[in-house]
Amino acid sequence: MVNRRRFLTLSSLAGLLPSLSFGSTESVDITNGTNSQVDFTTNEAPLLSTPLVISTWKQPKANAAAQAVLDRGGRALDAVEAGVKVPEADPEDMSVGYGGRPDRDGHVTLDACIMDEKGNAGSVTFLEHIMHPISVARAVMEKTPHVMLSGEGALTFALSQGFKKENLLTKKAEKEWREWLKTAKYKPIANIERHDTIGMLAIDDKGNISGACTTSGLAYKMRGRVGDSPIIGAGLFVDNEIGGACATGLGELVMRTCGAFLVVELMRQGHTPQQACEEAASRIIRKQDYKDIQVGFLAVNKKGEHGAYSIQPGFNYTLSTQKKTEVTDAKSYLK
């Protein structure tokens, strides 16, 4: 079952390789619209000791939960699951799990995926009533022959595994939604939620990498909308030989470029994590209308080097080692 699932995940992405040019460093000069070369002379993140945890946005509590697993000698997979469960259960985090802002019909719908060091992956999309979609995604990975379950099927599976059905719409989120209904204007705004995702990568004391990504998606989205977060290769990708990457921001743009997979493949070609994140953002910048939206990439390689880059300023990330935890503003294309 594991071998079949891994084969399905990797073979679905392998078909993309002929159409991707990983050696390109072309980007757009915003000042005159002409083509130019990406400047990879930016300072790289220093080599860090492992184990380590890195996550999108300001998530010290999530990192602490993940780091505690690593400090006990636990697997990176267990660490990332424990880490992202923290914001999933936090009603004050209105972009992940319980307390997340609903879709335009008032339903909180959740997406999540997880990937281990062996290339196994699990995902759930359009899941309602379950506080911890990341754990359901792991159950999909470990207990089914599939990679992804969605909607009612995902809920039925979760209930069969003992997950509790509950109301995830808090009074605060409902009040905001009812206020939004007065105008019902919909436009994603860069960084307004800090943002719609937590993506987390970890390296354990054996040098193995795993990743997790979970979200309640864009506030007031169309019912049934799914972004990049639960899509293996878009919102998250891990290759234990190379490294891992995750994305945050407007998922439609990340999906169109297979963002996380692209970052890892660029690292395979010799790019540092920082260079790979910058080039992945450049692919979006060259082809999409990017000036009013945000996408951020985060990556780590087997050496423990990390990189982060976004289109707009305002994207930050949290890095934890056994020595310290730091929140850092990522470099961005626009200043």
C-alpha atoms as a PDB file:
ATOM      1  CA  MET A   1       0.000   0.000   0.000  1.00  0.00           C
ATOM      2  CA  VAL A   2       2.803   2.397   0.905  1.00  0.00           C
ATOM      3  CA  ASN A   3       4.713   1.679  -2.277  1.00  0.00           C
ATOM      4  CA  ARG A   4       1.596   2.201  -4.412  1.00  0.00           C
ATOM      5  CA  ARG A   5       0.753   5.481  -2.698  1.00  0.00           C
ATOM      6  CA  ARG A   6       4.292   6.770  -3.079  1.00  0.00           C
ATOM      7  CA  PHE A   7       4.288   5.742  -6.731  1.00  0.00           C
ATOM      8  CA  LEU A   8       1.027   7.599  -7.378  1.00  0.00           C
ATOM      9  CA  THR A   9       2.288  10.763  -5.698  1.00  0.00           C
ATOM     10  CA  LEU A  10       5.628  10.877  -7.473  1.00  0.00           C
ATOM     11  CA  SER A  11       4.422   9.710 -10.875  1.00  0.00           C
ATOM     12  CA  SER A  12       1.720  12.388 -10.973  1.00  0.00           C
ATOM     13  CA  LEU A  13       4.397  15.037 -10.504  1.00  0.00           C
ATOM     14  CA  ALA A  14       6.953  13.441 -12.798  1.00  0.00           C
ATOM     15  CA  GLY A  15       4.779  14.234 -15.780  1.00  0.00           C
ATOM     16  CA  LEU A  16       5.362  17.898 -15.117  1.00  0.00           C
ATOM     17  CA  LEU A  17       9.119  17.712 -15.534  1.00  0.00           C
ATOM     18  CA  PRO A  18       9.365  18.027 -19.340  1.00  0.00           C
ATOM     19  CA  SER A  19       7.515  21.346 -19.269  1.00  0.00           C
ATOM     20  CA  LEU A  20       9.574  22.906 -16.465  1.00  0.00           C
ATOM     21  CA  SER A  21      12.821  24.699 -17.123  1.00  0.00           C
ATOM     22  CA  PHE A  22      14.725  24.552 -13.884  1.00  0.00           C
ATOM     23  CA  GLY A  23      17.797  26.306 -15.183  1.00  0.00           C
ATOM     24  CA  SER A  24      16.013  29.575 -15.969  1.00  0.00           C
ATOM     25  CA  THR A  25      16.778  32.628 -13.853  1.00  0.00           C
ATOM     26  CA  GLU A  26      14.748  35.137 -15.844  1.00  0.00           C
ATOM     27  CA  SER A  27      12.529  37.570 -13.949  1.00  0.00           C
ATOM     28  CA  VAL A  28      10.699  40.835 -14.484  1.00  0.00           C
ATOM     29  CA  ASP A  29      12.130  44.245 -13.667  1.00  0.00           C
ATOM     30  CA  ILE A  30       9.132  46.039 -12.180  1.00  0.00           C
ATOM     31  CA  THR A  31      10.583  49.461 -12.966  1.00  0.00           C
ATOM     32  CA  ASN A  32      10.474  49.073 -16.733  1.00  0.00           C
ATOM     33  CA  GLY A  33       8.842  45.741 -17.456  1.00  0.00           C
ATOM     34  CA  THR A  34      11.937  44.411 -19.241  1.00  0.00           C
ATOM     35  CA  ASN A  35      13.426  40.990 -18.718  1.00  0.00           C
ATOM     36  CA  SER A  36      16.416  40.764 -16.428  1.00  0.00           C
ATOM     37  CA  GLN A  37      18.341  38.162 -14.501  1.00  0.00           C
ATOM     38  CA  VAL A  38      17.497  37.285 -10.911  1.00  0.00           C
ATOM     39  CA  ASP A  39      20.176  38.586  -8.594  1.00  0.00           C
ATOM     40  CA  PHE A  40      21.201  35.682  -6.392  1.00  0.00           C
ATOM     41  CA  THR A  41      23.806  37.691  -4.495  1.00  0.00           C
ATOM     42  CA  THR A  42      21.540  38.103  -1.460  1.00  0.00           C
ATOM     43  CA  ASN A  43      22.913  36.832   1.836  1.00  0.00           C
ATOM     44  CA  GLU A  44      22.070  33.207   2.450  1.00  0.00           C
ATOM     45  CA  ALA A  45      20.771  31.872   5.747  1.00  0.00           C
ATOM     46  CA  PRO A  46      23.596  30.459   7.862  1.00  0.00           C
ATOM     47  CA  LEU A  47      24.060  26.739   8.268  1.00  0.00           C
ATOM     48  CA  LEU A  48      22.102  25.620  11.314  1.00  0.00           C
ATOM     49  CA  SER A  49      22.350  22.661  13.620  1.00  0.00           C
ATOM     50  CA  THR A  50      19.591  20.107  13.417  1.00  0.00           C
ATOM     51  CA  PRO A  51      17.040  19.119  14.516  1.00  0.00           C
ATOM     52  CA  LEU A  52      15.085  22.194  13.528  1.00  0.00           C
ATOM     53  CA  VAL A  53      11.562  23.433  12.842  1.00  0.00           C
ATOM     54  CA  ILE A  54      10.573  26.185  10.444  1.00  0.00           C
ATOM     55  CA  SER A  55       7.068  27.472   9.768  1.00  0.00           C
ATOM     56  CA  THR A  56       5.297  30.191   7.831  1.00  0.00           C
ATOM     57  CA  TRP A  57       4.253  33.320   9.705  1.00  0.00           C
ATOM     58  CA  LYS A  58       4.677  34.084  13.413  1.00  0.00           C
ATOM     59  CA  GLN A  59       4.091  30.714  15.053  1.00  0.00           C
ATOM     60  CA  PRO A  60       6.300  30.343  18.157  1.00  0.00           C
ATOM     61  CA  LYS A  61       3.739  28.193  20.002  1.00  0.00           C
ATOM     62  CA  ALA A  62       3.393  25.830  17.055  1.00  0.00           C
ATOM     63  CA  ASN A  63       7.169  25.591  16.709  1.00  0.00           C
ATOM     64  CA  ALA A  64       7.540  24.919  20.431  1.00  0.00           C
ATOM     65  CA  ALA A  65       5.160  21.964  20.207  1.00  0.00           C
ATOM     66  CA  ALA A  66       7.066  20.562  17.237  1.00  0.00           C
ATOM     67  CA  GLN A  67      10.467  21.198  18.817  1.00  0.00           C
ATOM     68  CA  ALA A  68       9.386  19.358  21.960  1.00  0.00           C
ATOM     69  CA  VAL A  69       8.850  16.222  19.866  1.00  0.00           C
ATOM     70  CA  LEU A  70      12.275  16.584  18.263  1.00  0.00           C
ATOM     71  CA  ASP A  71      13.934  17.186  21.629  1.00  0.00           C
ATOM     72  CA  ARG A  72      12.631  13.775  22.732  1.00  0.00           C
ATOM     73  CA  GLY A  73      14.224  12.198  19.674  1.00  0.00           C
ATOM     74  CA  GLY A  74      10.910  11.940  17.829  1.00  0.00           C
ATOM     75  CA  ARG A  75      10.273  11.787  14.114  1.00  0.00           C
ATOM     76  CA  ALA A  76       9.981  14.911  12.020  1.00  0.00           C
ATOM     77  CA  LEU A  77       6.559  13.609  10.922  1.00  0.00           C
ATOM     78  CA  ASP A  78       5.279  13.556  14.502  1.00  0.00           C
ATOM     79  CA  ALA A  79       6.780  16.990  15.082  1.00  0.00           C
ATOM     80  CA  VAL A  80       5.043  18.739  12.201  1.00  0.00           C
ATOM     81  CA  GLU A  81       1.703  17.156  13.060  1.00  0.00           C
ATOM     82  CA  ALA A  82       1.998  18.257  16.695  1.00  0.00           C
ATOM     83  CA  GLY A  83       3.116  21.713  15.639  1.00  0.00           C
ATOM     84  CA  VAL A  84       0.331  22.622  13.249  1.00  0.00           C
ATOM     85  CA  LYS A  85      -2.320  21.208  15.582  1.00  0.00           C
ATOM     86  CA  VAL A  86      -1.652  24.219  17.823  1.00  0.00           C
ATOM     87  CA  PRO A  87      -3.135  26.854  15.467  1.00  0.00           C
ATOM     88  CA  GLU A  88      -5.773  24.363  14.322  1.00  0.00           C
ATOM     89  CA  ALA A  89      -7.164  24.379  17.866  1.00  0.00           C
ATOM     90  CA  ASP A  90      -6.685  28.106  18.514  1.00  0.00           C
ATOM     91  CA  PRO A  91      -9.952  30.072  18.075  1.00  0.00           C
ATOM     92  CA  GLU A  92      -7.974  33.319  17.898  1.00  0.00           C
ATOM     93  CA  ASP A  93      -6.159  32.147  14.759  1.00  0.00           C
ATOM     94  CA  MET A  94      -8.871  32.930  12.241  1.00  0.00           C
ATOM     95  CA  SER A  95      -7.161  31.422   9.224  1.00  0.00           C
ATOM     96  CA  VAL A  96      -6.599  27.853  10.439  1.00  0.00           C
ATOM     97  CA  GLY A  97      -8.961  25.246  11.885  1.00  0.00           C
ATOM     98  CA  TYR A  98     -11.284  26.097  14.782  1.00  0.00           C
ATOM     99  CA  GLY A  99     -12.217  29.772  14.584  1.00  0.00           C
ATOM    100  CA  GLY A 100     -11.313  30.016  10.914  1.00  0.00           C
ATOM    101  CA  ARG A 101     -13.301  32.453   8.814  1.00  0.00           C
ATOM    102  CA  PRO A 102     -16.090  30.710   6.888  1.00  0.00           C
ATOM    103  CA  ASP A 103     -16.891  30.628   3.201  1.00  0.00           C
ATOM    104  CA  ARG A 104     -19.490  33.043   1.844  1.00  0.00           C
ATOM    105  CA  ASP A 105     -22.271  30.651   2.905  1.00  0.00           C
ATOM    106  CA  GLY A 106     -21.103  30.557   6.516  1.00  0.00           C
ATOM    107  CA  HIS A 107     -19.387  27.150   6.482  1.00  0.00           C
ATOM    108  CA  VAL A 108     -15.887  26.597   7.886  1.00  0.00           C
ATOM    109  CA  THR A 109     -14.146  24.258   5.437  1.00  0.00           C
ATOM    110  CA  LEU A 110     -10.633  22.990   6.033  1.00  0.00           C
ATOM    111  CA  ASP A 111      -7.763  21.731   3.873  1.00  0.00           C
ATOM    112  CA  ALA A 112      -4.569  20.007   4.999  1.00  0.00           C
ATOM    113  CA  CYS A 113      -1.773  17.747   3.832  1.00  0.00           C
ATOM    114  CA  ILE A 114       1.210  15.973   5.318  1.00  0.00           C
ATOM    115  CA  MET A 115       4.277  14.295   3.801  1.00  0.00           C
ATOM    116  CA  ASP A 116       6.929  12.098   5.399  1.00  0.00           C
ATOM    117  CA  GLU A 117      10.554  11.297   4.724  1.00  0.00           C
ATOM    118  CA  LYS A 118       9.668   8.243   2.616  1.00  0.00           C
ATOM    119  CA  GLY A 119       7.597  10.192   0.091  1.00  0.00           C
ATOM    120  CA  ASN A 120       4.268   9.082   1.534  1.00  0.00           C
ATOM    121  CA  ALA A 121       1.561  11.738   1.542  1.00  0.00           C
ATOM    122  CA  GLY A 122      -1.975  12.285   2.785  1.00  0.00           C
ATOM    123  CA  SER A 123      -4.441  15.078   2.203  1.00  0.00           C
ATOM    124  CA  VAL A 124      -7.978  16.224   2.943  1.00  0.00           C
ATOM    125  CA  THR A 125      -9.909  18.982   1.206  1.00  0.00           C
ATOM    126  CA  PHE A 126     -13.257  20.671   1.792  1.00  0.00           C
ATOM    127  CA  LEU A 127     -13.492  18.997   5.212  1.00  0.00           C
ATOM    128  CA  GLU A 128     -16.055  20.287   7.716  1.00  0.00           C
ATOM    129  CA  HIS A 129     -16.651  19.731  11.459  1.00  0.00           C
ATOM    130  CA  ILE A 130     -13.219  18.268  12.328  1.00  0.00           C
ATOM    131  CA  MET A 131     -10.847  20.400  14.398  1.00  0.00           C
ATOM    132  CA  HIS A 132      -7.636  18.689  13.315  1.00  0.00           C
ATOM    133  CA  PRO A 133      -7.634  18.084   9.558  1.00  0.00           C
ATOM    134  CA  ILE A 134      -3.861  17.463   9.655  1.00  0.00           C
ATOM    135  CA  SER A 135      -4.435  14.317  11.698  1.00  0.00           C
ATOM    136  CA  VAL A 136      -7.113  13.166   9.283  1.00  0.00           C
ATOM    137  CA  ALA A 137      -4.646  13.750   6.433  1.00  0.00           C
ATOM    138  CA  ARG A 138      -2.115  11.581   8.240  1.00  0.00           C
ATOM    139  CA  ALA A 139      -4.731   8.867   8.680  1.00  0.00           C
ATOM    140  CA  VAL A 140      -5.435   9.014   4.932  1.00  0.00           C
ATOM    141  CA  MET A 141      -1.713   8.543   4.340  1.00  0.00           C
ATOM    142  CA  GLU A 142      -1.260   5.666   6.750  1.00  0.00           C
ATOM    143  CA  LYS A 143      -4.600   3.829   6.667  1.00  0.00           C
ATOM    144  CA  THR A 144      -5.882   4.085   3.089  1.00  0.00           C
ATOM    145  CA  PRO A 145      -4.511   3.344  -0.385  1.00  0.00           C
ATOM    146  CA  HIS A 146      -5.215   6.970  -1.359  1.00  0.00           C
ATOM    147  CA  VAL A 147      -3.471  10.330  -1.112  1.00  0.00           C
ATOM    148  CA  MET A 148      -6.518  12.614  -0.931  1.00  0.00           C
ATOM    149  CA  LEU A 149     -10.079  12.485   0.386  1.00  0.00           C
ATOM    150  CA  SER A 150     -12.548  15.338   0.012  1.00  0.00           C
ATOM    151  CA  GLY A 151     -15.824  16.709   1.350  1.00  0.00           C
ATOM    152  CA  GLU A 152     -18.358  14.261   2.718  1.00  0.00           C
ATOM    153  CA  GLY A 153     -16.045  11.352   1.987  1.00  0.00           C
ATOM    154  CA  ALA A 154     -13.291  12.901   4.068  1.00  0.00           C
ATOM    155  CA  LEU A 155     -15.738  13.570   6.907  1.00  0.00           C
ATOM    156  CA  THR A 156     -17.108  10.026   6.817  1.00  0.00           C
ATOM    157  CA  PHE A 157     -13.582   8.645   6.946  1.00  0.00           C
ATOM    158  CA  ALA A 158     -12.633  10.956   9.819  1.00  0.00           C
ATOM    159  CA  LEU A 159     -15.652   9.870  11.864  1.00  0.00           C
ATOM    160  CA  SER A 160     -14.817   6.217  11.183  1.00  0.00           C
ATOM    161  CA  GLN A 161     -11.372   6.858  12.669  1.00  0.00           C
ATOM    162  CA  GLY A 162     -12.806   8.271  15.880  1.00  0.00           C
ATOM    163  CA  PHE A 163     -12.507  11.988  15.194  1.00  0.00           C
ATOM    164  CA  LYS A 164     -15.145  14.107  16.916  1.00  0.00           C
ATOM    165  CA  LYS A 165     -17.699  16.082  14.901  1.00  0.00           C
ATOM    166  CA  GLU A 166     -18.081  19.632  16.200  1.00  0.00           C
ATOM    167  CA  ASN A 167     -19.029  23.175  15.271  1.00  0.00           C
ATOM    168  CA  LEU A 168     -15.935  25.113  14.167  1.00  0.00           C
ATOM    169  CA  LEU A 169     -17.638  28.477  13.584  1.00  0.00           C
ATOM    170  CA  THR A 170     -16.926  30.670  16.603  1.00  0.00           C
ATOM    171  CA  LYS A 171     -19.115  33.615  17.595  1.00  0.00           C
ATOM    172  CA  LYS A 172     -16.347  36.011  16.606  1.00  0.00           C
ATOM    173  CA  ALA A 173     -15.971  34.520  13.121  1.00  0.00           C
ATOM    174  CA  GLU A 174     -19.737  34.394  12.652  1.00  0.00           C
ATOM    175  CA  LYS A 175     -20.083  38.063  13.621  1.00  0.00           C
ATOM    176  CA  GLU A 176     -17.435  39.068  11.076  1.00  0.00           C
ATOM    177  CA  TRP A 177     -19.129  36.960   8.388  1.00  0.00           C
ATOM    178  CA  ARG A 178     -22.536  38.528   9.005  1.00  0.00           C
ATOM    179  CA  GLU A 179     -20.960  41.958   8.787  1.00  0.00           C
ATOM    180  CA  TRP A 180     -19.338  40.968   5.495  1.00  0.00           C
ATOM    181  CA  LEU A 181     -22.728  39.858   4.142  1.00  0.00           C
ATOM    182  CA  LYS A 182     -23.929  43.469   4.199  1.00  0.00           C
ATOM    183  CA  THR A 183     -21.756  44.244   1.168  1.00  0.00           C
ATOM    184  CA  ALA A 184     -20.550  40.747   0.180  1.00  0.00           C
ATOM    185  CA  LYS A 185     -17.533  42.224  -1.571  1.00  0.00           C
ATOM    186  CA  TYR A 186     -14.846  39.652  -2.191  1.00  0.00           C
ATOM    187  CA  LYS A 187     -11.228  40.397  -2.926  1.00  0.00           C
ATOM    188  CA  PRO A 188      -8.192  38.666  -1.396  1.00  0.00           C
ATOM    189  CA  ILE A 189      -5.947  41.271   0.236  1.00  0.00           C
ATOM    190  CA  ALA A 190      -2.242  40.698   0.703  1.00  0.00           C
ATOM    191  CA  ASN A 191      -1.248  39.771   4.271  1.00  0.00           C
ATOM    192  CA  ILE A 192      -4.638  40.740   5.749  1.00  0.00           C
ATOM    193  CA  GLU A 193      -4.917  37.525   7.747  1.00  0.00           C
ATOM    194  CA  ARG A 194      -1.232  36.853   8.319  1.00  0.00           C
ATOM    195  CA  HIS A 195      -2.305  34.709   6.270  1.00  0.00           C
ATOM    196  CA  ASP A 196      -4.443  31.756   5.292  1.00  0.00           C
ATOM    197  CA  THR A 197      -2.012  28.921   6.082  1.00  0.00           C
ATOM    198  CA  ILE A 198       0.550  27.446   8.385  1.00  0.00           C
ATOM    199  CA  GLY A 199       3.144  25.427   6.538  1.00  0.00           C
ATOM    200  CA  MET A 200       5.767  23.669   8.657  1.00  0.00           C
ATOM    201  CA  LEU A 201       8.945  21.740   7.864  1.00  0.00           C
ATOM    202  CA  ALA A 202      11.090  19.811  10.342  1.00  0.00           C
ATOM    203  CA  ILE A 203      14.382  17.928  10.351  1.00  0.00           C
ATOM    204  CA  ASP A 204      14.840  15.354  13.102  1.00  0.00           C
ATOM    205  CA  ASP A 205      18.021  14.051  14.724  1.00  0.00           C
ATOM    206  CA  LYS A 206      18.321  11.362  12.048  1.00  0.00           C
ATOM    207  CA  GLY A 207      18.359  14.019   9.347  1.00  0.00           C
ATOM    208  CA  ASN A 208      14.917  13.093   8.034  1.00  0.00           C
ATOM    209  CA  ILE A 209      12.552  15.785   6.745  1.00  0.00           C
ATOM    210  CA  SER A 210       8.760  15.925   6.926  1.00  0.00           C
ATOM    211  CA  GLY A 211       6.232  18.665   6.310  1.00  0.00           C
ATOM    212  CA  ALA A 212       2.653  19.671   7.042  1.00  0.00           C
ATOM    213  CA  CYS A 213       0.299  22.349   5.797  1.00  0.00           C
ATOM    214  CA  THR A 214      -3.167  23.266   7.097  1.00  0.00           C
ATOM    215  CA  THR A 215      -5.666  26.069   6.531  1.00  0.00           C
ATOM    216  CA  SER A 216      -9.262  27.215   6.574  1.00  0.00           C
ATOM    217  CA  GLY A 217      -8.592  28.891   3.245  1.00  0.00           C
ATOM    218  CA  LEU A 218      -9.560  32.306   2.020  1.00  0.00           C
ATOM    219  CA  ALA A 219     -12.265  34.036   4.012  1.00  0.00           C
ATOM    220  CA  TYR A 220     -15.644  34.190   2.241  1.00  0.00           C
ATOM    221  CA  LYS A 221     -14.464  32.039  -0.655  1.00  0.00           C
ATOM    222  CA  MET A 222     -16.950  30.346  -2.970  1.00  0.00           C
ATOM    223  CA  ARG A 223     -18.291  27.156  -1.451  1.00  0.00           C
ATOM    224  CA  GLY A 224     -16.146  24.248  -2.536  1.00  0.00           C
ATOM    225  CA  ARG A 225     -13.055  26.328  -3.265  1.00  0.00           C
ATOM    226  CA  VAL A 226      -9.782  24.540  -2.522  1.00  0.00           C
ATOM    227  CA  GLY A 227      -6.427  26.300  -2.606  1.00  0.00           C
ATOM    228  CA  ASP A 228      -2.858  25.082  -2.750  1.00  0.00           C
ATOM    229  CA  SER A 229      -2.467  24.060   0.894  1.00  0.00           C
ATOM    230  CA  PRO A 230      -3.657  20.432   0.594  1.00  0.00           C
ATOM    231  CA  ILE A 231      -2.134  19.868  -2.835  1.00  0.00           C
ATOM    232  CA  ILE A 232       1.067  17.823  -2.783  1.00  0.00           C
ATOM    233  CA  GLY A 233       3.552  19.715  -4.941  1.00  0.00           C
ATOM    234  CA  ALA A 234       1.764  23.044  -4.637  1.00  0.00           C
ATOM    235  CA  GLY A 235       1.408  24.030  -0.990  1.00  0.00           C
ATOM    236  CA  LEU A 236       3.872  21.399   0.266  1.00  0.00           C
ATOM    237  CA  PHE A 237       6.507  19.038  -1.059  1.00  0.00           C
ATOM    238  CA  VAL A 238       9.244  16.997   0.617  1.00  0.00           C
ATOM    239  CA  ASP A 239      12.057  14.995  -0.942  1.00  0.00           C
ATOM    240  CA  ASN A 240      14.229  13.544   1.801  1.00  0.00           C
ATOM    241  CA  GLU A 241      17.262  13.450  -0.492  1.00  0.00           C
ATOM    242  CA  ILE A 242      17.058  17.195  -1.140  1.00  0.00           C
ATOM    243  CA  GLY A 243      14.830  19.157   1.221  1.00  0.00           C
ATOM    244  CA  GLY A 244      11.314  20.470   1.637  1.00  0.00           C
ATOM    245  CA  ALA A 245       9.261  23.526   0.769  1.00  0.00           C
ATOM    246  CA  CYS A 246       5.887  25.051   1.555  1.00  0.00           C
ATOM    247  CA  ALA A 247       3.923  28.038   0.345  1.00  0.00           C
ATOM    248  CA  THR A 248       1.472  30.589   1.676  1.00  0.00           C
ATOM    249  CA  GLY A 249      -0.648  33.325   0.142  1.00  0.00           C
ATOM    250  CA  LEU A 250      -3.086  33.209  -2.756  1.00  0.00           C
ATOM    251  CA  GLY A 251      -3.235  29.511  -3.536  1.00  0.00           C
ATOM    252  CA  GLU A 252      -4.453  29.841  -7.099  1.00  0.00           C
ATOM    253  CA  LEU A 253      -1.113  31.352  -8.108  1.00  0.00           C
ATOM    254  CA  VAL A 254       0.867  28.679  -6.278  1.00  0.00           C
ATOM    255  CA  MET A 255      -1.103  25.869  -7.925  1.00  0.00           C
ATOM    256  CA  ARG A 256      -0.503  27.284 -11.403  1.00  0.00           C
ATOM    257  CA  THR A 257       3.235  26.962 -10.901  1.00  0.00           C
ATOM    258  CA  CYS A 258       3.396  23.800  -8.704  1.00  0.00           C
ATOM    259  CA  GLY A 259       5.252  26.067  -6.313  1.00  0.00           C
ATOM    260  CA  ALA A 260       6.583  23.796  -3.553  1.00  0.00           C
ATOM    261  CA  PHE A 261       7.601  21.087  -6.013  1.00  0.00           C
ATOM    262  CA  LEU A 262       9.364  23.709  -8.103  1.00  0.00           C
ATOM    263  CA  VAL A 263      11.338  24.967  -5.106  1.00  0.00           C
ATOM    264  CA  VAL A 264      12.545  21.461  -4.220  1.00  0.00           C
ATOM    265  CA  GLU A 265      13.465  20.674  -7.819  1.00  0.00           C
ATOM    266  CA  LEU A 266      15.433  23.914  -8.054  1.00  0.00           C
ATOM    267  CA  MET A 267      17.348  22.859  -4.943  1.00  0.00           C
ATOM    268  CA  ARG A 268      17.988  19.525  -6.650  1.00  0.00           C
ATOM    269  CA  GLN A 269      19.532  21.455  -9.547  1.00  0.00           C
ATOM    270  CA  GLY A 270      21.952  23.169  -7.170  1.00  0.00           C
ATOM    271  CA  HIS A 271      20.074  26.282  -6.048  1.00  0.00           C
ATOM    272  CA  THR A 272      20.266  27.209  -2.390  1.00  0.00           C
ATOM    273  CA  PRO A 273      16.938  27.356  -0.532  1.00  0.00           C
ATOM    274  CA  GLN A 274      16.976  31.156  -0.793  1.00  0.00           C
ATOM    275  CA  GLN A 275      17.673  31.102  -4.522  1.00  0.00           C
ATOM    276  CA  ALA A 276      14.988  28.483  -5.090  1.00  0.00           C
ATOM    277  CA  CYS A 277      12.350  30.516  -3.236  1.00  0.00           C
ATOM    278  CA  GLU A 278      13.268  33.636  -5.194  1.00  0.00           C
ATOM    279  CA  GLU A 279      13.084  31.845  -8.529  1.00  0.00           C
ATOM    280  CA  ALA A 280       9.718  30.253  -7.663  1.00  0.00           C
ATOM    281  CA  ALA A 281       8.320  33.691  -6.882  1.00  0.00           C
ATOM    282  CA  SER A 282       9.846  34.981 -10.107  1.00  0.00           C
ATOM    283  CA  ARG A 283       7.892  32.385 -12.108  1.00  0.00           C
ATOM    284  CA  ILE A 284       4.682  33.877 -10.734  1.00  0.00           C
ATOM    285  CA  ILE A 285       5.813  37.444 -11.221  1.00  0.00           C
ATOM    286  CA  ARG A 286       6.625  36.881 -14.884  1.00  0.00           C
ATOM    287  CA  LYS A 287       3.255  35.379 -15.758  1.00  0.00           C
ATOM    288  CA  GLN A 288       0.633  36.656 -13.308  1.00  0.00           C
ATOM    289  CA  ASP A 289      -0.819  39.954 -12.133  1.00  0.00           C
ATOM    290  CA  TYR A 290       0.990  40.052  -8.823  1.00  0.00           C
ATOM    291  CA  LYS A 291       0.948  43.657  -7.648  1.00  0.00           C
ATOM    292  CA  ASP A 292      -2.023  43.350  -5.272  1.00  0.00           C
ATOM    293  CA  ILE A 293      -1.570  39.798  -4.020  1.00  0.00           C
ATOM    294  CA  GLN A 294       0.825  37.883  -1.798  1.00  0.00           C
ATOM    295  CA  VAL A 295       2.636  34.593  -2.228  1.00  0.00           C
ATOM    296  CA  GLY A 296       5.455  33.472   0.017  1.00  0.00           C
ATOM    297  CA  PHE A 297       7.752  30.451  -0.176  1.00  0.00           C
ATOM    298  CA  LEU A 298       9.714  28.760   2.599  1.00  0.00           C
ATOM    299  CA  ALA A 299      12.337  26.045   2.108  1.00  0.00           C
ATOM    300  CA  VAL A 300      14.966  24.021   3.945  1.00  0.00           C
ATOM    301  CA  ASN A 301      17.590  21.630   2.575  1.00  0.00           C
ATOM    302  CA  LYS A 302      19.321  18.584   4.040  1.00  0.00           C
ATOM    303  CA  LYS A 303      22.146  20.744   5.387  1.00  0.00           C
ATOM    304  CA  GLY A 304      19.720  22.739   7.508  1.00  0.00           C
ATOM    305  CA  GLU A 305      20.043  25.818   5.314  1.00  0.00           C
ATOM    306  CA  HIS A 306      16.787  27.680   4.847  1.00  0.00           C
ATOM    307  CA  GLY A 307      15.340  30.328   2.567  1.00  0.00           C
ATOM    308  CA  ALA A 308      12.231  32.483   2.451  1.00  0.00           C
ATOM    309  CA  TYR A 309      10.932  34.932  -0.102  1.00  0.00           C
ATOM    310  CA  SER A 310       7.659  36.641  -0.973  1.00  0.00           C
ATOM    311  CA  ILE A 311       6.198  38.924  -3.590  1.00  0.00           C
ATOM    312  CA  GLN A 312       4.966  41.583  -1.175  1.00  0.00           C
ATOM    313  CA  PRO A 313       6.694  42.715   2.014  1.00  0.00           C
ATOM    314  CA  GLY A 314       5.049  41.485   5.200  1.00  0.00           C
ATOM    315  CA  PHE A 315       5.690  37.728   5.021  1.00  0.00           C
ATOM    316  CA  ASN A 316       7.570  36.353   7.990  1.00  0.00           C
ATOM    317  CA  TYR A 317       8.558  32.929   9.264  1.00  0.00           C
ATOM    318  CA  THR A 318       9.481  31.234  12.543  1.00  0.00           C
ATOM    319  CA  LEU A 319      12.655  29.182  12.925  1.00  0.00           C
ATOM    320  CA  SER A 320      13.411  27.031  15.966  1.00  0.00           C
ATOM    321  CA  THR A 321      16.424  24.988  16.961  1.00  0.00           C
ATOM    322  CA  GLN A 322      17.427  23.533  20.300  1.00  0.00           C
ATOM    323  CA  LYS A 323      19.100  26.849  21.057  1.00  0.00           C
ATOM    324  CA  LYS A 324      16.482  29.472  20.184  1.00  0.00           C
ATOM    325  CA  THR A 325      13.337  30.506  18.295  1.00  0.00           C
ATOM    326  CA  GLU A 326      13.311  33.531  16.019  1.00  0.00           C
ATOM    327  CA  VAL A 327      10.677  35.244  13.882  1.00  0.00           C
ATOM    328  CA  THR A 328      12.211  36.814  10.777  1.00  0.00           C
ATOM    329  CA  ASP A 329      10.802  39.014   8.036  1.00  0.00           C
ATOM    330  CA  ALA A 330      11.400  37.407   4.665  1.00  0.00           C
ATOM    331  CA  LYS A 331      12.913  39.298   1.769  1.00  0.00           C
ATOM    332  CA  SER A 332      10.438  40.336  -0.889  1.00  0.00           C
ATOM    333  CA  TYR A 333      10.322  41.316  -4.546  1.00  0.00           C
ATOM    334  CA  LEU A 334       8.392  44.516  -3.908  1.00  0.00           C
ATOM    335  CA  LYS A 335       9.809  46.847  -1.294  1.00  0.00           C
END
